PDB file of N, CA and C in Angstrom:
ATOM      1  N   MET A   1      31.879  58.250 -22.517  1.00  0.00           N
ATOM      2  CA  MET A   1      32.460  59.569 -22.574  1.00  0.00           C
ATOM      3  C   MET A   1      32.556  60.161 -21.163  1.00  0.00           C
ATOM      4  N   ILE A   2      33.677  60.770 -20.863  1.00  0.00           N
ATOM      5  CA  ILE A   2      33.902  61.366 -19.556  1.00  0.00           C
ATOM      6  C   ILE A   2      33.383  62.792 -19.567  1.00  0.00           C
ATOM      7  N   THR A   3      32.576  63.081 -18.567  1.00  0.00           N
ATOM      8  CA  THR A   3      32.065  64.451 -18.458  1.00  0.00           C
ATOM      9  C   THR A   3      32.710  65.111 -17.249  1.00  0.00           C
ATOM     10  N   PHE A   4      33.163  66.293 -17.459  1.00  0.00           N
ATOM     11  CA  PHE A   4      33.778  67.077 -16.394  1.00  0.00           C
ATOM     12  C   PHE A   4      32.897  68.266 -16.089  1.00  0.00           C
ATOM     13  N   ASN A   5      32.550  68.392 -14.832  1.00  0.00           N
ATOM     14  CA  ASN A   5      31.866  69.617 -14.462  1.00  0.00           C
ATOM     15  C   ASN A   5      32.882  70.592 -13.886  1.00  0.00           C
ATOM     16  N   LYS A   6      32.469  71.758 -13.598  1.00  0.00           N
ATOM     17  CA  LYS A   6      33.368  72.826 -13.149  1.00  0.00           C
ATOM     18  C   LYS A   6      34.055  72.458 -11.829  1.00  0.00           C
ATOM     19  N   GLN A   7      33.349  71.810 -10.924  1.00  0.00           N
ATOM     20  CA  GLN A   7      33.903  71.457  -9.622  1.00  0.00           C
ATOM     21  C   GLN A   7      35.018  70.413  -9.771  1.00  0.00           C
ATOM     22  N   LYS A   8      34.854  69.447 -10.640  1.00  0.00           N
ATOM     23  CA  LYS A   8      35.876  68.425 -10.861  1.00  0.00           C
ATOM     24  C   LYS A   8      37.128  69.032 -11.494  1.00  0.00           C
ATOM     25  N   ILE A   9      36.941  69.961 -12.401  1.00  0.00           N
ATOM     26  CA  ILE A   9      38.086  70.613 -13.044  1.00  0.00           C
ATOM     27  C   ILE A   9      38.881  71.428 -12.016  1.00  0.00           C
ATOM     28  N   VAL A  10      38.191  72.152 -11.167  1.00  0.00           N
ATOM     29  CA  VAL A  10      38.862  72.952 -10.140  1.00  0.00           C
ATOM     30  C   VAL A  10      39.617  72.038  -9.182  1.00  0.00           C
ATOM     31  N   ARG A  11      39.003  70.935  -8.769  1.00  0.00           N
ATOM     32  CA  ARG A  11      39.656  69.996  -7.869  1.00  0.00           C
ATOM     33  C   ARG A  11      40.880  69.364  -8.530  1.00  0.00           C
ATOM     34  N   LEU A  12      40.775  69.006  -9.785  1.00  0.00           N
ATOM     35  CA  LEU A  12      41.902  68.428 -10.516  1.00  0.00           C
ATOM     36  C   LEU A  12      43.040  69.446 -10.660  1.00  0.00           C
ATOM     37  N   LEU A  13      42.721  70.686 -10.986  1.00  0.00           N
ATOM     38  CA  LEU A  13      43.747  71.734 -11.086  1.00  0.00           C
ATOM     39  C   LEU A  13      44.398  71.982  -9.726  1.00  0.00           C
ATOM     40  N   TRP A  14      43.608  71.951  -8.649  1.00  0.00           N
ATOM     41  CA  TRP A  14      44.146  72.126  -7.301  1.00  0.00           C
ATOM     42  C   TRP A  14      45.199  71.071  -7.005  1.00  0.00           C
ATOM     43  N   TRP A  15      44.901  69.823  -7.305  1.00  0.00           N
ATOM     44  CA  TRP A  15      45.852  68.743  -7.055  1.00  0.00           C
ATOM     45  C   TRP A  15      47.090  68.878  -7.930  1.00  0.00           C
ATOM     46  N   TRP A  16      46.942  69.148  -9.192  1.00  0.00           N
ATOM     47  CA  TRP A  16      48.080  69.189 -10.120  1.00  0.00           C
ATOM     48  C   TRP A  16      48.930  70.451  -9.990  1.00  0.00           C
ATOM     49  N   LEU A  17      48.337  71.557  -9.575  1.00  0.00           N
ATOM     50  CA  LEU A  17      49.095  72.812  -9.502  1.00  0.00           C
ATOM     51  C   LEU A  17      49.562  73.176  -8.093  1.00  0.00           C
ATOM     52  N   ILE A  18      48.902  72.686  -7.057  1.00  0.00           N
ATOM     53  CA  ILE A  18      49.236  73.085  -5.694  1.00  0.00           C
ATOM     54  C   ILE A  18      49.737  71.902  -4.854  1.00  0.00           C
ATOM     55  N   VAL A  19      48.940  70.880  -4.729  1.00  0.00           N
ATOM     56  CA  VAL A  19      49.240  69.795  -3.791  1.00  0.00           C
ATOM     57  C   VAL A  19      50.442  68.968  -4.241  1.00  0.00           C
ATOM     58  N   ILE A  20      50.418  68.443  -5.430  1.00  0.00           N
ATOM     59  CA  ILE A  20      51.501  67.559  -5.897  1.00  0.00           C
ATOM     60  C   ILE A  20      52.844  68.298  -5.970  1.00  0.00           C
ATOM     61  N   PRO A  21      52.928  69.520  -6.515  1.00  0.00           N
ATOM     62  CA  PRO A  21      54.224  70.218  -6.479  1.00  0.00           C
ATOM     63  C   PRO A  21      54.657  70.606  -5.060  1.00  0.00           C
ATOM     64  N   GLY A  22      53.732  70.742  -4.117  1.00  0.00           N
ATOM     65  CA  GLY A  22      54.077  71.139  -2.758  1.00  0.00           C
ATOM     66  C   GLY A  22      54.657  70.013  -1.922  1.00  0.00           C
ATOM     67  N   ILE A  23      54.373  68.774  -2.272  1.00  0.00           N
ATOM     68  CA  ILE A  23      54.844  67.633  -1.486  1.00  0.00           C
ATOM     69  C   ILE A  23      56.370  67.569  -1.431  1.00  0.00           C
ATOM     70  N   PRO A  24      57.106  67.635  -2.553  1.00  0.00           N
ATOM     71  CA  PRO A  24      58.578  67.612  -2.440  1.00  0.00           C
ATOM     72  C   PRO A  24      59.135  68.792  -1.637  1.00  0.00           C
ATOM     73  N   PHE A  25      58.525  69.950  -1.763  1.00  0.00           N
ATOM     74  CA  PHE A  25      58.971  71.118  -1.009  1.00  0.00           C
ATOM     75  C   PHE A  25      58.836  70.877   0.491  1.00  0.00           C
ATOM     76  N   VAL A  26      57.696  70.377   0.920  1.00  0.00           N
ATOM     77  CA  VAL A  26      57.464  70.137   2.347  1.00  0.00           C
ATOM     78  C   VAL A  26      58.392  69.042   2.863  1.00  0.00           C
ATOM     79  N   LEU A  27      58.532  67.942   2.119  1.00  0.00           N
ATOM     80  CA  LEU A  27      59.402  66.851   2.560  1.00  0.00           C
ATOM     81  C   LEU A  27      60.865  67.282   2.631  1.00  0.00           C
ATOM     82  N   THR A  28      61.326  68.064   1.651  1.00  0.00           N
ATOM     83  CA  THR A  28      62.704  68.557   1.671  1.00  0.00           C
ATOM     84  C   THR A  28      62.917  69.506   2.844  1.00  0.00           C
ATOM     85  N   SER A  29      61.970  70.376   3.106  1.00  0.00           N
ATOM     86  CA  SER A  29      62.085  71.306   4.237  1.00  0.00           C
ATOM     87  C   SER A  29      62.133  70.558   5.559  1.00  0.00           C
ATOM     88  N   LEU A  30      61.292  69.550   5.712  1.00  0.00           N
ATOM     89  CA  LEU A  30      61.309  68.752   6.942  1.00  0.00           C
ATOM     90  C   LEU A  30      62.635  68.006   7.095  1.00  0.00           C
ATOM     91  N   GLY A  31      63.152  67.470   5.995  1.00  0.00           N
ATOM     92  CA  GLY A  31      64.431  66.766   6.040  1.00  0.00           C
ATOM     93  C   GLY A  31      65.565  67.684   6.463  1.00  0.00           C
ATOM     94  N   LEU A  32      65.627  68.881   5.890  1.00  0.00           N
ATOM     95  CA  LEU A  32      66.673  69.843   6.273  1.00  0.00           C
ATOM     96  C   LEU A  32      66.524  70.293   7.722  1.00  0.00           C
ATOM     97  N   PHE A  33      65.291  70.456   8.167  1.00  0.00           N
ATOM     98  CA  PHE A  33      65.040  70.843   9.554  1.00  0.00           C
ATOM     99  C   PHE A  33      65.562  69.769  10.510  1.00  0.00           C
ATOM    100  N   PHE A  34      65.212  68.518  10.254  1.00  0.00           N
ATOM    101  CA  PHE A  34      65.678  67.433  11.131  1.00  0.00           C
ATOM    102  C   PHE A  34      67.187  67.269  11.062  1.00  0.00           C
ATOM    103  N   TYR A  35      67.767  67.446   9.895  1.00  0.00           N
ATOM    104  CA  TYR A  35      69.227  67.346   9.761  1.00  0.00           C
ATOM    105  C   TYR A  35      69.929  68.438  10.572  1.00  0.00           C
ATOM    106  N   ALA A  36      69.432  69.654  10.490  1.00  0.00           N
ATOM    107  CA  ALA A  36      70.079  70.772  11.183  1.00  0.00           C
ATOM    108  C   ALA A  36      69.925  70.676  12.698  1.00  0.00           C
ATOM    109  N   PHE A  37      68.774  70.229  13.176  1.00  0.00           N
ATOM    110  CA  PHE A  37      68.515  70.211  14.615  1.00  0.00           C
ATOM    111  C   PHE A  37      68.737  68.844  15.251  1.00  0.00           C
ATOM    112  N   TRP A  38      69.289  67.885  14.500  1.00  0.00           N
ATOM    113  CA  TRP A  38      69.570  66.576  15.072  1.00  0.00           C
ATOM    114  C   TRP A  38      70.596  66.731  16.196  1.00  0.00           C
ATOM    115  N   PRO A  39      70.409  66.072  17.336  1.00  0.00           N
ATOM    116  CA  PRO A  39      71.353  66.229  18.469  1.00  0.00           C
ATOM    117  C   PRO A  39      72.774  65.802  18.091  1.00  0.00           C
ATOM    118  N   ARG A  40      73.722  66.655  18.399  1.00  0.00           N
ATOM    119  CA  ARG A  40      75.134  66.389  18.115  1.00  0.00           C
ATOM    120  C   ARG A  40      75.957  66.672  19.367  1.00  0.00           C
ATOM    121  N   ASP A  41      77.135  66.090  19.409  1.00  0.00           N
ATOM    122  CA  ASP A  41      78.042  66.302  20.529  1.00  0.00           C
ATOM    123  C   ASP A  41      78.996  67.446  20.183  1.00  0.00           C
ATOM    124  N   PHE A  42      78.838  68.580  20.851  1.00  0.00           N
ATOM    125  CA  PHE A  42      79.666  69.750  20.602  1.00  0.00           C
ATOM    126  C   PHE A  42      80.789  69.883  21.632  1.00  0.00           C
ATOM    127  N   SER A  43      81.078  68.826  22.365  1.00  0.00           N
ATOM    128  CA  SER A  43      82.084  68.922  23.423  1.00  0.00           C
ATOM    129  C   SER A  43      83.481  69.201  22.869  1.00  0.00           C
ATOM    130  N   SER A  44      83.769  68.767  21.647  1.00  0.00           N
ATOM    131  CA  SER A  44      85.091  69.038  21.077  1.00  0.00           C
ATOM    132  C   SER A  44      85.301  70.529  20.821  1.00  0.00           C
ATOM    133  N   VAL A  45      84.220  71.264  20.673  1.00  0.00           N
ATOM    134  CA  VAL A  45      84.300  72.702  20.420  1.00  0.00           C
ATOM    135  C   VAL A  45      84.200  73.499  21.717  1.00  0.00           C
ATOM    136  N   SER A  46      83.330  73.062  22.598  1.00  0.00           N
ATOM    137  CA  SER A  46      83.015  73.866  23.772  1.00  0.00           C
ATOM    138  C   SER A  46      83.919  73.604  24.970  1.00  0.00           C
ATOM    139  N   GLN A  47      84.680  72.542  24.949  1.00  0.00           N
ATOM    140  CA  GLN A  47      85.549  72.255  26.095  1.00  0.00           C
ATOM    141  C   GLN A  47      86.992  72.596  25.751  1.00  0.00           C
ATOM    142  N   PHE A  48      87.507  73.579  26.442  1.00  0.00           N
ATOM    143  CA  PHE A  48      88.904  73.968  26.285  1.00  0.00           C
ATOM    144  C   PHE A  48      89.443  74.288  27.672  1.00  0.00           C
ATOM    145  N   PRO A  49      90.749  74.170  27.837  1.00  0.00           N
ATOM    146  CA  PRO A  49      91.310  74.366  29.181  1.00  0.00           C
ATOM    147  C   PRO A  49      91.204  75.821  29.640  1.00  0.00           C
ATOM    148  N   ILE A  50      90.737  75.989  30.856  1.00  0.00           N
ATOM    149  CA  ILE A  50      90.643  77.311  31.471  1.00  0.00           C
ATOM    150  C   ILE A  50      91.472  77.277  32.748  1.00  0.00           C
ATOM    151  N   ALA A  51      92.391  78.202  32.861  1.00  0.00           N
ATOM    152  CA  ALA A  51      93.236  78.273  34.052  1.00  0.00           C
ATOM    153  C   ALA A  51      92.383  78.610  35.273  1.00  0.00           C
ATOM    154  N   ASN A  52      92.786  78.109  36.424  1.00  0.00           N
ATOM    155  CA  ASN A  52      92.013  78.308  37.663  1.00  0.00           C
ATOM    156  C   ASN A  52      91.871  79.777  38.045  1.00  0.00           C
ATOM    157  N   ASN A  53      92.878  80.565  37.787  1.00  0.00           N
ATOM    158  CA  ASN A  53      92.846  81.960  38.214  1.00  0.00           C
ATOM    159  C   ASN A  53      92.315  82.916  37.138  1.00  0.00           C
ATOM    160  N   THR A  54      91.714  82.398  36.090  1.00  0.00           N
ATOM    161  CA  THR A  54      91.184  83.232  35.008  1.00  0.00           C
ATOM    162  C   THR A  54      89.966  84.017  35.477  1.00  0.00           C
ATOM    163  N   GLU A  55      89.989  85.312  35.201  1.00  0.00           N
ATOM    164  CA  GLU A  55      88.880  86.183  35.569  1.00  0.00           C
ATOM    165  C   GLU A  55      88.142  86.725  34.349  1.00  0.00           C
ATOM    166  N   TYR A  56      88.815  86.723  33.224  1.00  0.00           N
ATOM    167  CA  TYR A  56      88.265  87.354  32.021  1.00  0.00           C
ATOM    168  C   TYR A  56      88.668  86.498  30.823  1.00  0.00           C
ATOM    169  N   ILE A  57      87.712  86.142  29.980  1.00  0.00           N
ATOM    170  CA  ILE A  57      87.992  85.312  28.793  1.00  0.00           C
ATOM    171  C   ILE A  57      87.516  86.045  27.549  1.00  0.00           C
ATOM    172  N   THR A  58      88.362  86.069  26.536  1.00  0.00           N
ATOM    173  CA  THR A  58      87.929  86.562  25.227  1.00  0.00           C
ATOM    174  C   THR A  58      87.838  85.371  24.301  1.00  0.00           C
ATOM    175  N   LEU A  59      86.718  85.264  23.612  1.00  0.00           N
ATOM    176  CA  LEU A  59      86.480  84.172  22.669  1.00  0.00           C
ATOM    177  C   LEU A  59      86.219  84.744  21.289  1.00  0.00           C
ATOM    178  N   SER A  60      86.710  84.051  20.288  1.00  0.00           N
ATOM    179  CA  SER A  60      86.369  84.410  18.910  1.00  0.00           C
ATOM    180  C   SER A  60      86.190  83.119  18.127  1.00  0.00           C
ATOM    181  N   ALA A  61      85.296  83.157  17.158  1.00  0.00           N
ATOM    182  CA  ALA A  61      85.009  81.975  16.342  1.00  0.00           C
ATOM    183  C   ALA A  61      84.960  82.379  14.879  1.00  0.00           C
ATOM    184  N   HIS A  62      85.526  81.555  14.043  1.00  0.00           N
ATOM    185  CA  HIS A  62      85.543  81.826  12.611  1.00  0.00           C
ATOM    186  C   HIS A  62      84.166  81.587  12.005  1.00  0.00           C
ATOM    187  N   GLY A  63      84.019  81.910  10.751  1.00  0.00           N
ATOM    188  CA  GLY A  63      82.736  81.784  10.071  1.00  0.00           C
ATOM    189  C   GLY A  63      82.610  80.518   9.248  1.00  0.00           C
ATOM    190  N   VAL A  64      81.654  80.531   8.340  1.00  0.00           N
ATOM    191  CA  VAL A  64      81.347  79.381   7.491  1.00  0.00           C
ATOM    192  C   VAL A  64      82.508  79.109   6.539  1.00  0.00           C
ATOM    193  N   ASN A  65      82.837  77.830   6.387  1.00  0.00           N
ATOM    194  CA  ASN A  65      83.919  77.388   5.493  1.00  0.00           C
ATOM    195  C   ASN A  65      85.225  78.134   5.758  1.00  0.00           C
ATOM    196  N   ASP A  66      85.524  78.331   7.005  1.00  0.00           N
ATOM    197  CA  ASP A  66      86.698  79.092   7.397  1.00  0.00           C
ATOM    198  C   ASP A  66      87.460  78.302   8.458  1.00  0.00           C
ATOM    199  N   SER A  67      88.564  78.840   8.906  1.00  0.00           N
ATOM    200  CA  SER A  67      89.346  78.206   9.960  1.00  0.00           C
ATOM    201  C   SER A  67      89.869  79.289  10.899  1.00  0.00           C
ATOM    202  N   PRO A  68      90.288  78.911  12.102  1.00  0.00           N
ATOM    203  CA  PRO A  68      90.795  79.913  13.041  1.00  0.00           C
ATOM    204  C   PRO A  68      92.046  80.610  12.537  1.00  0.00           C
ATOM    205  N   SER A  69      92.825  79.935  11.721  1.00  0.00           N
ATOM    206  CA  SER A  69      94.079  80.531  11.249  1.00  0.00           C
ATOM    207  C   SER A  69      93.847  81.693  10.287  1.00  0.00           C
ATOM    208  N   SER A  70      92.660  81.806   9.709  1.00  0.00           N
ATOM    209  CA  SER A  70      92.419  82.884   8.746  1.00  0.00           C
ATOM    210  C   SER A  70      92.356  84.254   9.410  1.00  0.00           C
ATOM    211  N   TRP A  71      91.689  84.385  10.551  1.00  0.00           N
ATOM    212  CA  TRP A  71      91.635  85.683  11.226  1.00  0.00           C
ATOM    213  C   TRP A  71      91.436  85.569  12.734  1.00  0.00           C
ATOM    214  N   SER A  72      90.829  84.496  13.207  1.00  0.00           N
ATOM    215  CA  SER A  72      90.494  84.384  14.623  1.00  0.00           C
ATOM    216  C   SER A  72      91.739  84.285  15.512  1.00  0.00           C
ATOM    217  N   ASP A  73      92.724  83.495  15.087  1.00  0.00           N
ATOM    218  CA  ASP A  73      93.963  83.390  15.865  1.00  0.00           C
ATOM    219  C   ASP A  73      94.692  84.734  15.930  1.00  0.00           C
ATOM    220  N   GLU A  74      94.713  85.436  14.814  1.00  0.00           N
ATOM    221  CA  GLU A  74      95.362  86.746  14.766  1.00  0.00           C
ATOM    222  C   GLU A  74      94.648  87.745  15.681  1.00  0.00           C
ATOM    223  N   LEU A  75      93.331  87.682  15.715  1.00  0.00           N
ATOM    224  CA  LEU A  75      92.567  88.554  16.602  1.00  0.00           C
ATOM    225  C   LEU A  75      92.913  88.278  18.065  1.00  0.00           C
ATOM    226  N   GLN A  76      93.039  87.019  18.427  1.00  0.00           N
ATOM    227  CA  GLN A  76      93.366  86.686  19.805  1.00  0.00           C
ATOM    228  C   GLN A  76      94.782  87.150  20.173  1.00  0.00           C
ATOM    229  N   LYS A  77      95.711  87.079  19.232  1.00  0.00           N
ATOM    230  CA  LYS A  77      97.061  87.603  19.487  1.00  0.00           C
ATOM    231  C   LYS A  77      97.010  89.109  19.741  1.00  0.00           C
ATOM    232  N   LEU A  78      96.210  89.814  18.951  1.00  0.00           N
ATOM    233  CA  LEU A  78      96.070  91.259  19.151  1.00  0.00           C
ATOM    234  C   LEU A  78      95.384  91.571  20.475  1.00  0.00           C
ATOM    235  N   MET A  79      94.437  90.756  20.881  1.00  0.00           N
ATOM    236  CA  MET A  79      93.757  90.976  22.158  1.00  0.00           C
ATOM    237  C   MET A  79      94.728  90.797  23.330  1.00  0.00           C
ATOM    238  N   LYS A  80      95.683  89.882  23.197  1.00  0.00           N
ATOM    239  CA  LYS A  80      96.689  89.696  24.254  1.00  0.00           C
ATOM    240  C   LYS A  80      97.578  90.920  24.386  1.00  0.00           C
ATOM    241  N   GLN A  81      97.854  91.575  23.269  1.00  0.00           N
ATOM    242  CA  GLN A  81      98.766  92.724  23.265  1.00  0.00           C
ATOM    243  C   GLN A  81      98.046  94.051  23.490  1.00  0.00           C
ATOM    244  N   ALA A  82      96.730  94.037  23.534  1.00  0.00           N
ATOM    245  CA  ALA A  82      95.962  95.283  23.633  1.00  0.00           C
ATOM    246  C   ALA A  82      96.307  96.019  24.921  1.00  0.00           C
ATOM    247  N   PRO A  83      96.595  97.304  24.818  1.00  0.00           N
ATOM    248  CA  PRO A  83      96.987  98.085  26.002  1.00  0.00           C
ATOM    249  C   PRO A  83      95.762  98.606  26.765  1.00  0.00           C
ATOM    250  N   TYR A  84      95.133  97.742  27.524  1.00  0.00           N
ATOM    251  CA  TYR A  84      94.008  98.161  28.350  1.00  0.00           C
ATOM    252  C   TYR A  84      94.473  98.232  29.795  1.00  0.00           C
ATOM    253  N   PRO A  85      94.639  99.408  30.330  1.00  0.00           N
ATOM    254  CA  PRO A  85      95.144  99.532  31.701  1.00  0.00           C
ATOM    255  C   PRO A  85      94.207  98.891  32.734  1.00  0.00           C
ATOM    256  N   GLN A  86      92.924  98.864  32.465  1.00  0.00           N
ATOM    257  CA  GLN A  86      91.996  98.280  33.424  1.00  0.00           C
ATOM    258  C   GLN A  86      92.136  96.760  33.505  1.00  0.00           C
ATOM    259  N   LEU A  87      92.843  96.127  32.552  1.00  0.00           N
ATOM    260  CA  LEU A  87      93.051  94.682  32.572  1.00  0.00           C
ATOM    261  C   LEU A  87      94.427  94.288  33.110  1.00  0.00           C
ATOM    262  N   ASN A  88      95.188  95.251  33.596  1.00  0.00           N
ATOM    263  CA  ASN A  88      96.534  94.951  34.080  1.00  0.00           C
ATOM    264  C   ASN A  88      96.535  93.977  35.250  1.00  0.00           C
ATOM    265  N   ASN A  89      95.609  94.117  36.166  1.00  0.00           N
ATOM    266  CA  ASN A  89      95.593  93.277  37.366  1.00  0.00           C
ATOM    267  C   ASN A  89      94.608  92.115  37.266  1.00  0.00           C
ATOM    268  N   ILE A  90      94.095  91.867  36.089  1.00  0.00           N
ATOM    269  CA  ILE A  90      93.115  90.797  35.886  1.00  0.00           C
ATOM    270  C   ILE A  90      93.760  89.691  35.062  1.00  0.00           C
ATOM    271  N   ASN A  91      93.529  88.458  35.466  1.00  0.00           N
ATOM    272  CA  ASN A  91      94.040  87.312  34.706  1.00  0.00           C
ATOM    273  C   ASN A  91      93.135  87.055  33.507  1.00  0.00           C
ATOM    274  N   VAL A  92      93.689  87.285  32.329  1.00  0.00           N
ATOM    275  CA  VAL A  92      92.928  87.194  31.085  1.00  0.00           C
ATOM    276  C   VAL A  92      93.365  85.955  30.313  1.00  0.00           C
ATOM    277  N   GLN A  93      92.390  85.272  29.730  1.00  0.00           N
ATOM    278  CA  GLN A  93      92.684  84.137  28.865  1.00  0.00           C
ATOM    279  C   GLN A  93      92.012  84.381  27.521  1.00  0.00           C
ATOM    280  N   ASN A  94      92.748  84.132  26.449  1.00  0.00           N
ATOM    281  CA  ASN A  94      92.229  84.323  25.095  1.00  0.00           C
ATOM    282  C   ASN A  94      92.108  82.966  24.427  1.00  0.00           C
ATOM    283  N   HIS A  95      90.998  82.763  23.734  1.00  0.00           N
ATOM    284  CA  HIS A  95      90.784  81.464  23.086  1.00  0.00           C
ATOM    285  C   HIS A  95      90.096  81.665  21.737  1.00  0.00           C
ATOM    286  N   SER A  96      90.639  81.021  20.732  1.00  0.00           N
ATOM    287  CA  SER A  96      90.062  81.020  19.398  1.00  0.00           C
ATOM    288  C   SER A  96      89.344  79.682  19.188  1.00  0.00           C
ATOM    289  N   ILE A  97      88.048  79.720  19.029  1.00  0.00           N
ATOM    290  CA  ILE A  97      87.246  78.497  18.925  1.00  0.00           C
ATOM    291  C   ILE A  97      87.360  77.921  17.517  1.00  0.00           C
ATOM    292  N   ASP A  98      87.701  76.640  17.448  1.00  0.00           N
ATOM    293  CA  ASP A  98      87.792  75.939  16.170  1.00  0.00           C
ATOM    294  C   ASP A  98      86.595  75.007  16.027  1.00  0.00           C
ATOM    295  N   TRP A  99      85.645  75.380  15.204  1.00  0.00           N
ATOM    296  CA  TRP A  99      84.464  74.547  14.974  1.00  0.00           C
ATOM    297  C   TRP A  99      84.307  74.221  13.492  1.00  0.00           C
ATOM    298  N   GLN A 100      85.441  73.980  12.841  1.00  0.00           N
ATOM    299  CA  GLN A 100      85.451  73.670  11.415  1.00  0.00           C
ATOM    300  C   GLN A 100      84.573  72.480  11.053  1.00  0.00           C
ATOM    301  N   ASN A 101      84.522  71.466  11.906  1.00  0.00           N
ATOM    302  CA  ASN A 101      83.730  70.281  11.595  1.00  0.00           C
ATOM    303  C   ASN A 101      82.247  70.598  11.418  1.00  0.00           C
ATOM    304  N   TYR A 102      81.779  71.656  12.049  1.00  0.00           N
ATOM    305  CA  TYR A 102      80.370  72.032  11.956  1.00  0.00           C
ATOM    306  C   TYR A 102      80.154  73.239  11.055  1.00  0.00           C
ATOM    307  N   ALA A 103      81.202  73.989  10.778  1.00  0.00           N
ATOM    308  CA  ALA A 103      81.074  75.208   9.983  1.00  0.00           C
ATOM    309  C   ALA A 103      81.216  74.957   8.481  1.00  0.00           C
ATOM    310  N   ASN A 104      81.565  73.747   8.093  1.00  0.00           N
ATOM    311  CA  ASN A 104      81.736  73.459   6.665  1.00  0.00           C
ATOM    312  C   ASN A 104      80.417  73.240   5.946  1.00  0.00           C
ATOM    313  N   ASN A 105      79.354  72.970   6.675  1.00  0.00           N
ATOM    314  CA  ASN A 105      78.061  72.705   6.075  1.00  0.00           C
ATOM    315  C   ASN A 105      77.149  73.916   6.268  1.00  0.00           C
ATOM    316  N   VAL A 106      76.670  74.473   5.182  1.00  0.00           N
ATOM    317  CA  VAL A 106      75.857  75.691   5.238  1.00  0.00           C
ATOM    318  C   VAL A 106      74.532  75.441   5.952  1.00  0.00           C
ATOM    319  N   PHE A 107      73.962  74.246   5.795  1.00  0.00           N
ATOM    320  CA  PHE A 107      72.684  73.950   6.431  1.00  0.00           C
ATOM    321  C   PHE A 107      72.817  73.771   7.940  1.00  0.00           C
ATOM    322  N   LEU A 108      73.991  73.411   8.400  1.00  0.00           N
ATOM    323  CA  LEU A 108      74.199  73.086   9.804  1.00  0.00           C
ATOM    324  C   LEU A 108      74.845  74.214  10.603  1.00  0.00           C
ATOM    325  N   CYS A 109      75.579  75.101   9.951  1.00  0.00           N
ATOM    326  CA  CYS A 109      76.430  76.052  10.680  1.00  0.00           C
ATOM    327  C   CYS A 109      75.654  77.034  11.548  1.00  0.00           C
ATOM    328  N   SER A 110      74.507  77.499  11.137  1.00  0.00           N
ATOM    329  CA  SER A 110      73.792  78.475  11.966  1.00  0.00           C
ATOM    330  C   SER A 110      73.290  77.848  13.254  1.00  0.00           C
ATOM    331  N   VAL A 111      72.804  76.621  13.169  1.00  0.00           N
ATOM    332  CA  VAL A 111      72.317  75.935  14.378  1.00  0.00           C
ATOM    333  C   VAL A 111      73.493  75.555  15.268  1.00  0.00           C
ATOM    334  N   ALA A 112      74.569  75.052  14.664  1.00  0.00           N
ATOM    335  CA  ALA A 112      75.759  74.657  15.440  1.00  0.00           C
ATOM    336  C   ALA A 112      76.406  75.864  16.096  1.00  0.00           C
ATOM    337  N   GLY A 113      76.457  76.983  15.402  1.00  0.00           N
ATOM    338  CA  GLY A 113      77.036  78.197  15.983  1.00  0.00           C
ATOM    339  C   GLY A 113      76.235  78.696  17.174  1.00  0.00           C
ATOM    340  N   LYS A 114      74.940  78.576  17.094  1.00  0.00           N
ATOM    341  CA  LYS A 114      74.097  79.012  18.217  1.00  0.00           C
ATOM    342  C   LYS A 114      74.284  78.099  19.424  1.00  0.00           C
ATOM    343  N   LYS A 115      74.384  76.813  19.179  1.00  0.00           N
ATOM    344  CA  LYS A 115      74.532  75.872  20.307  1.00  0.00           C
ATOM    345  C   LYS A 115      75.930  75.955  20.872  1.00  0.00           C
TER     346      LYS A 115
END
């Protein structure tokens, strides 16, 4: 006959209610962390032509599951037409950043947007 004392019951409940259910949570969190922060090449997003005489750049980037054509391109067109007298003698360049390849994944977009 198996006898259980109070200490064995508490230890068994600890394993079944806390430790075993926590293992998948910790492993999944670690997996998502490594996936999001894995080194990637962002040169396709960050390298765009800049004219030699450019003094002022306006940048805009679309959001998650979006594209530049939804609003970012339109914003850049409006920025070109904006009547700012202080920018009359300054060479301005407007650029709409297209990072769709990284913005389609919800787990990756916040880290990719920051980088």
